[in-house]
């Protein structure tokens, strides 16, 4: 997948591609359904499959106080999209000026003028242009005017409700990582750098890798069953996200205890995959009481990997 930053779009001059538009935060099952139709139409046209996305998130520009936390950083979003076998990703830098463009201008300048779109694939809820005035009906009318076809993709659902990035965010903030994973089509993951901690875990027999997370930390406080990937190697683990009330510490941390592991990994990148929530964060009466609970947490996490987690593919 080739990444282009608008207006420097390096499509073949004669190409009339199939195009999809969206923020694609999380690249969830709804997004993937659109991508599958996009690739099908591109193959039928013998043309490139092109996804167009916006950075930063438009809401963070037009209503900063309501900006959503991101499920994936821009870099990780590109990585996940690259695995979907698209030909091009076009990234449009979203500014206040760009937010004022009228729907018909966006179509004329971007979709037709720059991308030479032949077919457009959109989700049900997609809106574009100034004040989100553009919708499927207006795009279909503009398509007839400019010579391109618009396809609408039926929304994907989970538990009887539509899958959306906002719904996944809500699941994550409430610690429901299995539900979020079902809507994402993969385990939720974050990435960061291993940093030095205060050594409390090691003193209790539970040494941890403290992770400074890149991007937003959406997860609710608690202990989770996780996998960690460091230097391409996968390790089973359990991870605590949140404050440490037993020790009176209010800073939210991500601390991962890797099973059967004893290496110096400070400064290395770590990717954490979250599979199941074990429990919430609790203030214990003593370090010994916390240690006893951590042993129970470890047994539960190991039971997960011995059972349903045995064949997990990250």
Protein backbone atom coordinates (compact mmCIF):
# COMPACT_ATOMS: atom_id res chain seq x y z
CA UNK A 1 0.00 0.00 0.00
CA UNK A 2 1.43 3.34 -1.03
CA UNK A 3 0.73 6.29 1.28
CA UNK A 4 0.18 9.71 -0.30
CA UNK A 5 -0.34 13.01 1.48
CA UNK A 6 -2.86 15.21 -0.28
CA UNK A 7 -2.48 17.15 -2.56
CA UNK A 8 0.56 15.07 -3.59
CA UNK A 9 -1.38 12.12 -4.94
CA UNK A 10 0.79 9.83 -7.00
CA UNK A 11 -1.85 7.76 -8.81
CA UNK A 12 -1.19 6.54 -12.36
CA UNK A 13 -2.26 9.32 -14.73
CA UNK A 14 -4.84 7.22 -16.57
CA UNK A 15 -6.25 5.52 -13.50
CA UNK A 16 -9.90 5.90 -12.53
CA UNK A 17 -9.91 4.19 -9.15
CA UNK A 18 -12.46 2.86 -6.73
CA UNK A 19 -12.34 5.07 -3.63
CA UNK A 20 -13.62 4.91 -0.06
CA UNK A 21 -13.64 7.76 2.46
CA UNK A 22 -13.57 7.81 6.24
CA UNK A 23 -11.68 8.34 9.47
CA UNK A 24 -11.31 4.56 9.92
CA UNK A 25 -10.36 4.87 13.60
CA UNK A 26 -9.83 1.32 14.82
CA UNK A 27 -10.29 -0.14 11.33
CA UNK A 28 -13.20 -2.18 12.70
CA UNK A 29 -15.41 -4.78 11.00
CA UNK A 30 -17.64 -2.09 9.49
CA UNK A 31 -14.63 -0.45 7.88
CA UNK A 32 -13.41 -3.82 6.66
CA UNK A 33 -16.73 -4.55 4.99
CA UNK A 34 -16.36 -1.32 3.03
CA UNK A 35 -12.76 -2.23 2.12
CA UNK A 36 -13.85 -5.63 0.79
CA UNK A 37 -16.42 -4.04 -1.51
CA UNK A 38 -13.83 -1.44 -2.49
CA UNK A 39 -11.38 -4.16 -3.57
CA UNK A 40 -14.12 -6.04 -5.43
CA UNK A 41 -15.08 -2.95 -7.42
CA UNK A 42 -11.44 -2.04 -8.06
CA UNK A 43 -10.78 -5.54 -9.43
CA UNK A 44 -13.83 -5.28 -11.70
CA UNK A 45 -12.54 -1.93 -12.99
CA UNK A 46 -8.94 -3.16 -13.27
CA UNK A 47 -8.13 -0.01 -11.28
CA UNK A 48 -6.47 0.88 -7.96
CA UNK A 49 -8.31 0.51 -4.64
CA UNK A 50 -7.88 3.83 -2.79
CA UNK A 51 -8.81 4.71 0.80
CA UNK A 52 -8.93 8.39 1.75
CA UNK A 53 -8.65 9.37 5.40
CA UNK A 54 -8.26 12.56 7.42
CA UNK A 55 -5.64 13.55 9.98
CA UNK A 56 -6.05 14.78 12.61
CA UNK A 57 -9.56 13.60 13.43
CA UNK A 58 -11.95 16.28 12.05
CA UNK A 59 -13.76 16.69 15.38
CA UNK A 60 -10.46 17.64 17.06
CA UNK A 61 -10.26 20.57 14.61
CA UNK A 62 -13.85 21.84 14.48
CA UNK A 63 -14.85 21.01 18.09
CA UNK A 64 -11.63 20.48 20.07
CA UNK A 65 -13.47 20.17 23.39
CA UNK A 66 -15.34 17.16 22.01
CA UNK A 67 -12.39 15.46 20.31
CA UNK A 68 -12.57 11.67 20.74
CA UNK A 69 -9.66 9.66 22.03
CA UNK A 70 -8.14 7.57 19.28
CA UNK A 71 -8.34 3.79 19.13
CA UNK A 72 -5.24 3.73 16.93
CA UNK A 73 -2.49 6.27 16.43
CA UNK A 74 -2.16 7.47 12.81
CA UNK A 75 0.90 5.26 12.37
CA UNK A 76 -0.85 2.15 13.69
CA UNK A 77 -3.93 2.89 11.61
CA UNK A 78 -1.76 2.91 8.49
CA UNK A 79 -0.20 -0.38 9.59
CA UNK A 80 -3.58 -2.08 10.03
CA UNK A 81 -4.90 -0.67 6.73
CA UNK A 82 -1.78 -1.91 4.94
CA UNK A 83 -2.73 -5.48 5.87
CA UNK A 84 -6.01 -5.15 3.92
CA UNK A 85 -4.25 -5.22 0.52
CA UNK A 86 -5.28 -1.77 -0.63
CA UNK A 87 -3.27 -0.06 -3.35
CA UNK A 88 -3.20 3.50 -1.98
CA UNK A 89 -3.95 5.40 1.20
CA UNK A 90 -4.46 9.13 0.69
CA UNK A 91 -4.10 11.18 3.88
CA UNK A 92 -5.76 14.60 3.87
CA UNK A 93 -4.44 17.04 6.47
CA UNK A 94 -7.64 18.31 8.04
CA UNK A 95 -7.63 22.01 8.95
CA UNK A 96 -10.25 24.61 9.83
CA UNK A 97 -9.92 25.92 6.30
CA UNK A 98 -10.52 22.47 4.85
CA UNK A 99 -13.55 22.01 7.13
CA UNK A 100 -15.24 24.94 5.36
CA UNK A 101 -15.14 23.37 1.91
CA UNK A 102 -18.63 22.84 0.49
CA UNK A 103 -19.65 19.28 -0.50
CA UNK A 104 -19.72 20.09 -4.20
CA UNK A 105 -16.26 21.66 -4.00
CA UNK A 106 -14.87 18.59 -2.24
CA UNK A 107 -16.23 16.36 -4.97
CA UNK A 108 -15.01 18.58 -7.79
CA UNK A 109 -11.54 19.33 -6.39
CA UNK A 110 -10.63 16.17 -4.49
CA UNK A 111 -12.62 13.21 -5.79
CA UNK A 112 -12.81 14.24 -9.43
CA UNK A 113 -9.96 16.72 -9.90
CA UNK A 114 -7.26 14.84 -7.98
CA UNK A 115 -8.40 11.25 -7.69
CA UNK A 116 -10.42 10.88 -10.95
CA UNK A 117 -12.81 8.58 -9.10
CA UNK A 118 -14.79 6.02 -11.06
CA UNK A 119 -16.67 4.42 -8.15
CA UNK A 120 -17.11 5.50 -4.54
CA UNK A 121 -17.80 3.15 -1.62
CA UNK A 122 -19.31 4.65 1.55
CA UNK A 123 -20.70 3.56 4.88
CA UNK A 124 -24.24 4.47 5.90
CA UNK A 125 -23.27 7.22 8.32
CA UNK A 126 -20.64 9.01 6.23
CA UNK A 127 -20.96 12.81 6.08
CA UNK A 128 -18.63 15.32 4.48
CA UNK A 129 -18.17 18.96 3.61
CA UNK A 130 -18.98 22.13 5.50
CA UNK A 131 -21.28 21.47 8.44
CA UNK A 132 -21.38 17.78 7.43
CA UNK A 133 -23.90 18.81 4.78
CA UNK A 134 -22.87 16.14 2.28
CA UNK A 135 -24.48 12.71 2.55
CA UNK A 136 -25.10 9.65 0.41
CA UNK A 137 -27.97 11.21 -1.54
CA UNK A 138 -26.03 14.36 -2.38
CA UNK A 139 -23.00 12.29 -3.40
CA UNK A 140 -25.12 10.11 -5.65
CA UNK A 141 -26.50 13.24 -7.35
CA UNK A 142 -22.99 14.68 -7.71
CA UNK A 143 -21.82 11.34 -9.05
CA UNK A 144 -24.34 11.49 -11.85
CA UNK A 145 -23.16 15.01 -12.63
CA UNK A 146 -19.45 14.14 -12.66
CA UNK A 147 -19.57 10.60 -14.01
CA UNK A 148 -18.91 8.31 -11.05
CA UNK A 149 -21.00 5.66 -9.28
CA UNK A 150 -21.67 5.61 -5.52
CA UNK A 151 -22.15 2.39 -3.51
CA UNK A 152 -23.49 2.37 0.02
CA UNK A 153 -22.28 -0.37 2.37
CA UNK A 154 -24.72 -1.76 4.91
CA UNK A 155 -23.51 -1.23 8.49
CA UNK A 156 -22.00 -4.18 10.36
CA UNK A 157 -23.58 -5.05 13.69
CA UNK A 158 -22.65 -6.74 16.94
CA UNK A 159 -25.15 -7.68 19.63
CA UNK A 160 -27.96 -6.21 17.57
CA UNK A 161 -26.40 -2.73 17.35
CA UNK A 162 -24.31 -1.02 14.71
CA UNK A 163 -20.55 -1.26 15.07
CA UNK A 164 -18.91 2.15 15.30
CA UNK A 165 -15.66 3.63 16.54
CA UNK A 166 -17.52 5.50 19.30
CA UNK A 167 -19.15 2.28 20.51
CA UNK A 168 -15.75 0.55 20.61
CA UNK A 169 -14.31 3.47 22.61
CA UNK A 170 -17.11 3.10 25.13
CA UNK A 171 -16.47 -0.64 25.47
CA UNK A 172 -12.77 -0.01 26.08
CA UNK A 173 -13.31 2.70 28.70
CA UNK A 174 -15.55 0.25 30.56
CA UNK A 175 -12.93 -2.50 30.34
CA UNK A 176 -14.96 -4.72 28.01
CA UNK A 177 -12.01 -5.70 25.83
CA UNK A 178 -13.60 -8.92 24.55
CA UNK A 179 -16.57 -6.94 23.25
CA UNK A 180 -14.25 -4.35 21.67
CA UNK A 181 -12.20 -7.13 20.09
CA UNK A 182 -15.32 -8.72 18.60
CA UNK A 183 -16.19 -5.42 16.90
CA UNK A 184 -12.61 -4.78 15.79
CA UNK A 185 -12.17 -8.28 14.42
CA UNK A 186 -8.94 -8.66 16.40
CA UNK A 187 -7.67 -8.11 19.93
CA UNK A 188 -7.37 -4.46 20.89
CA UNK A 189 -3.74 -3.39 21.17
CA UNK A 190 -1.61 -0.45 22.22
CA UNK A 191 2.06 0.27 21.73
CA UNK A 192 4.69 2.09 23.74
CA UNK A 193 8.19 2.09 25.17
CA UNK A 194 9.38 0.15 28.20
CA UNK A 195 10.54 2.53 30.92
CA UNK A 196 11.98 2.11 34.41
CA UNK A 197 9.49 1.82 37.25
CA UNK A 198 9.84 2.00 41.02
CA UNK A 199 10.58 -1.72 41.47
CA UNK A 200 7.62 -2.45 43.76
CA UNK A 201 6.43 -5.35 41.60
CA UNK A 202 9.83 -7.06 41.65
CA UNK A 203 9.96 -6.86 45.46
CA UNK A 204 6.65 -8.76 45.59
CA UNK A 205 7.79 -11.39 43.10
CA UNK A 206 5.85 -9.83 40.20
CA UNK A 207 8.36 -7.80 38.17
CA UNK A 208 6.67 -5.57 35.60
CA UNK A 209 7.53 -3.82 32.38
CA UNK A 210 6.20 -0.29 32.66
CA UNK A 211 4.95 0.95 29.29
CA UNK A 212 4.84 4.60 28.25
CA UNK A 213 1.97 4.45 25.77
CA UNK A 214 2.10 6.23 22.44
CA UNK A 215 -1.26 7.89 21.80
CA UNK A 216 -4.42 7.76 23.89
CA UNK A 217 -5.05 5.31 26.73
CA UNK A 218 -8.71 4.37 26.40
CA UNK A 219 -8.85 1.40 28.73
CA UNK A 220 -10.66 1.49 32.01
CA UNK A 221 -8.64 0.72 35.14
CA UNK A 222 -8.13 -2.94 35.94
CA UNK A 223 -6.13 -6.12 35.44
CA UNK A 224 -6.20 -7.75 32.01
CA UNK A 225 -5.00 -10.93 30.32
CA UNK A 226 -2.54 -9.80 27.66
CA UNK A 227 0.08 -10.80 25.16
CA UNK A 228 3.21 -8.70 24.76
CA UNK A 229 5.28 -8.57 21.58
CA UNK A 230 8.87 -7.33 21.99
CA UNK A 231 11.48 -7.63 19.24
CA UNK A 232 9.07 -9.82 17.29
CA UNK A 233 8.71 -12.33 20.14
CA UNK A 234 5.37 -13.00 21.84
CA UNK A 235 5.04 -13.45 25.60
CA UNK A 236 1.94 -14.28 27.65
CA UNK A 237 1.33 -11.76 30.41
CA UNK A 238 -1.09 -9.92 32.64
CA UNK A 239 -1.32 -6.15 32.69
CA UNK A 240 -2.54 -3.61 35.20
CA UNK A 241 -3.88 -0.34 33.81
CA UNK A 242 -4.58 2.53 36.15
CA UNK A 243 -3.67 4.02 39.50
CA UNK A 244 -2.10 2.12 42.39
CA UNK A 245 -4.32 2.94 45.36
CA UNK A 246 -2.67 0.36 47.65
CA UNK A 247 0.43 2.58 47.60
CA UNK A 248 -1.44 5.89 47.40
CA UNK A 249 -0.22 6.58 43.84
CA UNK A 250 -2.61 8.47 41.53
CA UNK A 251 -0.71 8.46 38.23
CA UNK A 252 -2.27 6.12 35.67
CA UNK A 253 0.25 3.50 34.63
CA UNK A 254 0.45 0.50 32.31
CA UNK A 255 2.39 -2.28 34.08
CA UNK A 256 2.84 -5.69 32.48
CA UNK A 257 4.01 -8.85 34.21
CA UNK A 258 5.46 -11.23 31.61
CA UNK A 259 5.28 -14.91 32.51
CA UNK A 260 8.56 -16.87 32.71
CA UNK A 261 10.58 -13.87 31.59
CA UNK A 262 13.78 -12.33 32.87
CA UNK A 263 15.37 -9.91 30.41
CA UNK A 264 16.50 -6.29 30.46
CA UNK A 265 14.14 -4.52 28.03
CA UNK A 266 14.24 -0.84 29.02
CA UNK A 267 13.94 1.41 25.98
CA UNK A 268 12.45 -1.27 23.73
CA UNK A 269 9.10 -0.98 21.98
CA UNK A 270 6.35 -3.20 23.30
CA UNK A 271 2.97 -3.96 21.81
CA UNK A 272 0.23 -5.10 24.20
CA UNK A 273 -2.78 -7.16 23.07
CA UNK A 274 -5.73 -7.20 25.48
CA UNK A 275 -7.86 -10.36 25.58
CA UNK A 276 -9.88 -10.38 28.80
CA UNK A 277 -10.48 -8.30 31.91
CA UNK A 278 -9.71 -10.13 35.15
CA UNK A 279 -10.88 -7.55 37.69
CA UNK A 280 -11.03 -3.87 38.53
CA UNK A 281 -8.41 -1.87 40.42
CA UNK A 282 -8.70 -2.36 44.18
CA UNK A 283 -7.03 -0.72 47.20
CA UNK A 284 -5.65 -3.54 49.36
CA UNK A 285 -4.90 -3.31 53.06
CA UNK A 286 -1.27 -4.34 52.56
CA UNK A 287 1.36 -5.32 50.02
CA UNK A 288 0.95 -8.96 51.14
CA UNK A 289 -2.79 -8.86 50.38
CA UNK A 290 -2.03 -7.40 46.95
CA UNK A 291 0.58 -10.11 46.33
CA UNK A 292 -1.94 -12.84 47.19
CA UNK A 293 -4.43 -11.36 44.74
CA UNK A 294 -1.80 -11.04 42.01
CA UNK A 295 -1.09 -14.75 42.33
CA UNK A 296 -4.80 -15.45 41.76
CA UNK A 297 -4.77 -13.06 38.79
CA UNK A 298 -1.79 -14.89 37.30
CA UNK A 299 -3.51 -18.26 37.68
CA UNK A 300 -6.61 -16.91 35.92
CA UNK A 301 -4.53 -15.46 33.09
CA UNK A 302 -2.59 -18.70 32.64
CA UNK A 303 -5.87 -20.64 32.59
CA UNK A 304 -7.03 -18.36 29.76
CA UNK A 305 -3.96 -19.22 27.68
CA UNK A 306 -4.31 -22.94 28.51
CA UNK A 307 -7.92 -22.81 27.30
CA UNK A 308 -9.53 -20.37 24.86
CA UNK A 309 -6.31 -18.39 24.38
CA UNK A 310 -4.31 -21.39 23.22
CA UNK A 311 -4.84 -20.72 19.51
CA UNK A 312 -5.05 -16.94 19.50
CA UNK A 313 -3.58 -15.34 16.39
CA UNK A 314 -2.38 -11.78 16.96
